[in-house]
Amino acid sequence: MFAAATMRHAKRLCSSSKRRYPSVSLIPLLLSVQAMELAWVALNYLGIERTTTEATVRSVADIHLAYMPYSHSVAIPVGAAVLTWLIIEKGFGRGRSRPRRRPRH
Protein backbone atom coordinates (compact mmCIF):
# COMPACT_ATOMS: atom_id res chain seq x y z
CA MET A 1 0.00 0.00 0.00
CA PHE A 2 2.79 2.44 0.92
CA ALA A 3 4.78 1.67 -2.23
CA ALA A 4 1.71 2.22 -4.40
CA ALA A 5 1.03 5.60 -2.76
CA THR A 6 4.65 6.62 -3.21
CA MET A 7 4.59 5.62 -6.86
CA ARG A 8 1.34 7.55 -7.43
CA HIS A 9 2.97 10.62 -5.86
CA ALA A 10 6.09 10.20 -8.03
CA LYS A 11 3.95 9.75 -11.15
CA ARG A 12 2.03 12.94 -10.35
CA LEU A 13 5.25 14.92 -9.84
CA CYS A 14 6.78 13.52 -13.03
CA SER A 15 3.76 14.27 -15.16
CA SER A 16 3.57 17.87 -13.94
CA SER A 17 7.32 18.31 -14.48
CA LYS A 18 7.08 16.72 -17.93
CA ARG A 19 4.40 19.24 -18.93
CA ARG A 20 6.57 22.13 -17.78
CA TYR A 21 9.86 20.77 -19.21
CA PRO A 22 8.88 18.60 -22.21
CA SER A 23 12.46 18.24 -23.49
CA VAL A 24 13.65 16.45 -20.32
CA SER A 25 13.72 12.65 -20.49
CA LEU A 26 11.40 10.73 -18.17
CA ILE A 27 14.17 8.73 -16.44
CA PRO A 28 15.89 11.77 -14.81
CA LEU A 29 12.48 13.02 -13.67
CA LEU A 30 11.67 9.66 -12.06
CA LEU A 31 15.05 9.55 -10.35
CA SER A 32 14.76 13.14 -9.13
CA VAL A 33 11.41 12.66 -7.41
CA GLN A 34 12.61 9.43 -5.78
CA ALA A 35 16.17 10.54 -4.92
CA MET A 36 15.70 10.82 -1.15
CA GLU A 37 13.86 7.49 -0.98
CA LEU A 38 16.71 5.85 -2.88
CA ALA A 39 19.19 7.52 -0.50
CA TRP A 40 17.18 6.19 2.47
CA VAL A 41 17.39 2.64 1.12
CA ALA A 42 21.12 2.93 0.37
CA LEU A 43 21.93 4.41 3.79
CA ASN A 44 19.97 1.60 5.49
CA TYR A 45 21.82 -1.08 3.50
CA LEU A 46 25.15 0.56 4.39
CA GLY A 47 24.20 0.61 8.08
CA ILE A 48 24.48 4.40 8.37
CA GLU A 49 20.77 4.79 9.13
CA ARG A 50 18.51 2.34 10.91
CA THR A 51 14.90 1.26 10.39
CA THR A 52 13.09 -1.21 12.62
CA THR A 53 9.83 -3.07 12.11
CA GLU A 54 7.29 -4.88 14.22
CA ALA A 55 7.37 -8.68 14.11
CA THR A 56 4.55 -8.57 11.54
CA VAL A 57 4.29 -5.62 9.17
CA ARG A 58 0.64 -4.93 8.37
CA SER A 59 0.91 -1.24 7.48
CA VAL A 60 3.31 1.67 7.31
CA ALA A 61 2.66 2.24 11.02
CA ASP A 62 4.65 -0.95 11.72
CA ILE A 63 7.82 0.53 10.16
CA HIS A 64 9.82 2.73 12.53
CA LEU A 65 12.49 5.18 11.44
CA ALA A 66 14.86 4.55 14.34
CA TYR A 67 17.84 6.65 13.25
CA MET A 68 17.47 8.88 10.15
CA PRO A 69 19.78 11.92 10.48
CA TYR A 70 20.53 12.24 6.76
CA SER A 71 17.77 11.00 4.44
CA HIS A 72 14.95 12.60 6.44
CA SER A 73 16.52 15.95 7.27
CA VAL A 74 15.88 19.30 5.61
CA ALA A 75 19.52 20.35 5.16
CA ILE A 76 20.66 17.33 3.12
CA PRO A 77 18.10 17.67 0.26
CA VAL A 78 18.71 21.44 0.09
CA GLY A 79 22.47 20.84 -0.03
CA ALA A 80 22.03 18.13 -2.67
CA ALA A 81 19.89 20.47 -4.78
CA VAL A 82 22.48 23.26 -4.57
CA LEU A 83 25.31 20.84 -5.37
CA THR A 84 23.39 19.41 -8.34
CA TRP A 85 22.69 22.91 -9.65
CA LEU A 86 26.38 23.86 -9.30
CA ILE A 87 27.47 20.73 -11.16
CA ILE A 88 25.00 21.31 -13.98
CA GLU A 89 25.55 25.07 -14.30
CA LYS A 90 29.30 25.27 -13.72
CA GLY A 91 30.57 21.76 -14.38
CA PHE A 92 28.92 21.32 -17.76
CA GLY A 93 29.76 24.87 -18.82
CA ARG A 94 26.22 26.06 -19.43
CA GLY A 95 27.03 29.45 -17.94
CA ARG A 96 30.19 29.99 -20.07
CA SER A 97 28.67 29.69 -23.53
CA ARG A 98 26.06 32.40 -23.14
CA PRO A 99 26.72 35.52 -25.16
CA ARG A 100 26.88 38.78 -23.23
CA ARG A 101 24.01 41.16 -23.75
CA ARG A 102 24.73 44.60 -24.95
CA PRO A 103 23.23 47.34 -22.84
CA ARG A 104 20.53 49.33 -24.61
CA HIS A 105 21.06 53.06 -24.84
C-alpha atoms as a PDB file:
ATOM      1  CA  MET A   1       0.000   0.000   0.000  1.00  0.00           C
ATOM      2  CA  PHE A   2       2.794   2.443   0.920  1.00  0.00           C
ATOM      3  CA  ALA A   3       4.782   1.666  -2.225  1.00  0.00           C
ATOM      4  CA  ALA A   4       1.713   2.223  -4.400  1.00  0.00           C
ATOM      5  CA  ALA A   5       1.031   5.602  -2.755  1.00  0.00           C
ATOM      6  CA  THR A   6       4.655   6.619  -3.210  1.00  0.00           C
ATOM      7  CA  MET A   7       4.593   5.623  -6.865  1.00  0.00           C
ATOM      8  CA  ARG A   8       1.337   7.554  -7.429  1.00  0.00           C
ATOM      9  CA  HIS A   9       2.968  10.619  -5.860  1.00  0.00           C
ATOM     10  CA  ALA A  10       6.089  10.195  -8.027  1.00  0.00           C
ATOM     11  CA  LYS A  11       3.954   9.754 -11.146  1.00  0.00           C
ATOM     12  CA  ARG A  12       2.029  12.939 -10.352  1.00  0.00           C
ATOM     13  CA  LEU A  13       5.251  14.920  -9.842  1.00  0.00           C
ATOM     14  CA  CYS A  14       6.783  13.516 -13.026  1.00  0.00           C
ATOM     15  CA  SER A  15       3.756  14.271 -15.155  1.00  0.00           C
ATOM     16  CA  SER A  16       3.568  17.867 -13.940  1.00  0.00           C
ATOM     17  CA  SER A  17       7.316  18.307 -14.478  1.00  0.00           C
ATOM     18  CA  LYS A  18       7.078  16.724 -17.930  1.00  0.00           C
ATOM     19  CA  ARG A  19       4.396  19.242 -18.930  1.00  0.00           C
ATOM     20  CA  ARG A  20       6.574  22.129 -17.776  1.00  0.00           C
ATOM     21  CA  TYR A  21       9.856  20.769 -19.211  1.00  0.00           C
ATOM     22  CA  PRO A  22       8.879  18.598 -22.207  1.00  0.00           C
ATOM     23  CA  SER A  23      12.459  18.243 -23.488  1.00  0.00           C
ATOM     24  CA  VAL A  24      13.646  16.449 -20.322  1.00  0.00           C
ATOM     25  CA  SER A  25      13.719  12.655 -20.488  1.00  0.00           C
ATOM     26  CA  LEU A  26      11.396  10.733 -18.173  1.00  0.00           C
ATOM     27  CA  ILE A  27      14.173   8.733 -16.440  1.00  0.00           C
ATOM     28  CA  PRO A  28      15.887  11.775 -14.805  1.00  0.00           C
ATOM     29  CA  LEU A  29      12.481  13.015 -13.668  1.00  0.00           C
ATOM     30  CA  LEU A  30      11.665   9.661 -12.060  1.00  0.00           C
ATOM     31  CA  LEU A  31      15.050   9.554 -10.348  1.00  0.00           C
ATOM     32  CA  SER A  32      14.762  13.142  -9.131  1.00  0.00           C
ATOM     33  CA  VAL A  33      11.413  12.662  -7.411  1.00  0.00           C
ATOM     34  CA  GLN A  34      12.610   9.426  -5.785  1.00  0.00           C
ATOM     35  CA  ALA A  35      16.166  10.541  -4.918  1.00  0.00           C
ATOM     36  CA  MET A  36      15.698  10.816  -1.147  1.00  0.00           C
ATOM     37  CA  GLU A  37      13.856   7.492  -0.980  1.00  0.00           C
ATOM     38  CA  LEU A  38      16.713   5.852  -2.881  1.00  0.00           C
ATOM     39  CA  ALA A  39      19.189   7.518  -0.503  1.00  0.00           C
ATOM     40  CA  TRP A  40      17.183   6.190   2.467  1.00  0.00           C
ATOM     41  CA  VAL A  41      17.388   2.638   1.117  1.00  0.00           C
ATOM     42  CA  ALA A  42      21.123   2.927   0.370  1.00  0.00           C
ATOM     43  CA  LEU A  43      21.926   4.409   3.795  1.00  0.00           C
ATOM     44  CA  ASN A  44      19.970   1.604   5.485  1.00  0.00           C
ATOM     45  CA  TYR A  45      21.818  -1.076   3.503  1.00  0.00           C
ATOM     46  CA  LEU A  46      25.146   0.557   4.392  1.00  0.00           C
ATOM     47  CA  GLY A  47      24.201   0.614   8.083  1.00  0.00           C
ATOM     48  CA  ILE A  48      24.482   4.402   8.374  1.00  0.00           C
ATOM     49  CA  GLU A  49      20.773   4.793   9.126  1.00  0.00           C
ATOM     50  CA  ARG A  50      18.509   2.341  10.913  1.00  0.00           C
ATOM     51  CA  THR A  51      14.904   1.261  10.394  1.00  0.00           C
ATOM     52  CA  THR A  52      13.091  -1.210  12.621  1.00  0.00           C
ATOM     53  CA  THR A  53       9.828  -3.066  12.113  1.00  0.00           C
ATOM     54  CA  GLU A  54       7.288  -4.882  14.217  1.00  0.00           C
ATOM     55  CA  ALA A  55       7.366  -8.683  14.114  1.00  0.00           C
ATOM     56  CA  THR A  56       4.554  -8.574  11.541  1.00  0.00           C
ATOM     57  CA  VAL A  57       4.285  -5.622   9.172  1.00  0.00           C
ATOM     58  CA  ARG A  58       0.636  -4.930   8.370  1.00  0.00           C
ATOM     59  CA  SER A  59       0.908  -1.244   7.478  1.00  0.00           C
ATOM     60  CA  VAL A  60       3.314   1.667   7.314  1.00  0.00           C
ATOM     61  CA  ALA A  61       2.657   2.239  11.021  1.00  0.00           C
ATOM     62  CA  ASP A  62       4.652  -0.951  11.723  1.00  0.00           C
ATOM     63  CA  ILE A  63       7.815   0.525  10.161  1.00  0.00           C
ATOM     64  CA  HIS A  64       9.819   2.726  12.532  1.00  0.00           C
ATOM     65  CA  LEU A  65      12.488   5.182  11.441  1.00  0.00           C
ATOM     66  CA  ALA A  66      14.859   4.548  14.344  1.00  0.00           C
ATOM     67  CA  TYR A  67      17.838   6.655  13.246  1.00  0.00           C
ATOM     68  CA  MET A  68      17.472   8.883  10.148  1.00  0.00           C
ATOM     69  CA  PRO A  69      19.778  11.916  10.480  1.00  0.00           C
ATOM     70  CA  TYR A  70      20.530  12.239   6.756  1.00  0.00           C
ATOM     71  CA  SER A  71      17.774  11.004   4.443  1.00  0.00           C
ATOM     72  CA  HIS A  72      14.950  12.599   6.439  1.00  0.00           C
ATOM     73  CA  SER A  73      16.521  15.946   7.266  1.00  0.00           C
ATOM     74  CA  VAL A  74      15.884  19.303   5.605  1.00  0.00           C
ATOM     75  CA  ALA A  75      19.519  20.351   5.164  1.00  0.00           C
ATOM     76  CA  ILE A  76      20.656  17.331   3.119  1.00  0.00           C
ATOM     77  CA  PRO A  77      18.098  17.668   0.260  1.00  0.00           C
ATOM     78  CA  VAL A  78      18.710  21.436   0.095  1.00  0.00           C
ATOM     79  CA  GLY A  79      22.465  20.839  -0.029  1.00  0.00           C
ATOM     80  CA  ALA A  80      22.028  18.131  -2.668  1.00  0.00           C
ATOM     81  CA  ALA A  81      19.888  20.472  -4.784  1.00  0.00           C
ATOM     82  CA  VAL A  82      22.482  23.257  -4.570  1.00  0.00           C
ATOM     83  CA  LEU A  83      25.311  20.838  -5.370  1.00  0.00           C
ATOM     84  CA  THR A  84      23.393  19.412  -8.341  1.00  0.00           C
ATOM     85  CA  TRP A  85      22.693  22.914  -9.647  1.00  0.00           C
ATOM     86  CA  LEU A  86      26.377  23.861  -9.303  1.00  0.00           C
ATOM     87  CA  ILE A  87      27.471  20.726 -11.156  1.00  0.00           C
ATOM     88  CA  ILE A  88      25.000  21.311 -13.985  1.00  0.00           C
ATOM     89  CA  GLU A  89      25.554  25.067 -14.295  1.00  0.00           C
ATOM     90  CA  LYS A  90      29.295  25.265 -13.721  1.00  0.00           C
ATOM     91  CA  GLY A  91      30.573  21.756 -14.379  1.00  0.00           C
ATOM     92  CA  PHE A  92      28.922  21.318 -17.757  1.00  0.00           C
ATOM     93  CA  GLY A  93      29.759  24.865 -18.822  1.00  0.00           C
ATOM     94  CA  ARG A  94      26.224  26.063 -19.428  1.00  0.00           C
ATOM     95  CA  GLY A  95      27.033  29.445 -17.943  1.00  0.00           C
ATOM     96  CA  ARG A  96      30.187  29.990 -20.068  1.00  0.00           C
ATOM     97  CA  SER A  97      28.673  29.686 -23.530  1.00  0.00           C
ATOM     98  CA  ARG A  98      26.059  32.396 -23.144  1.00  0.00           C
ATOM     99  CA  PRO A  99      26.724  35.522 -25.158  1.00  0.00           C
ATOM    100  CA  ARG A 100      26.879  38.779 -23.226  1.00  0.00           C
ATOM    101  CA  ARG A 101      24.007  41.162 -23.746  1.00  0.00           C
ATOM    102  CA  ARG A 102      24.732  44.605 -24.954  1.00  0.00           C
ATOM    103  CA  PRO A 103      23.226  47.339 -22.840  1.00  0.00           C
ATOM    104  CA  ARG A 104      20.533  49.329 -24.605  1.00  0.00           C
ATOM    105  CA  HIS A 105      21.059  53.061 -24.838  1.00  0.00           C
END
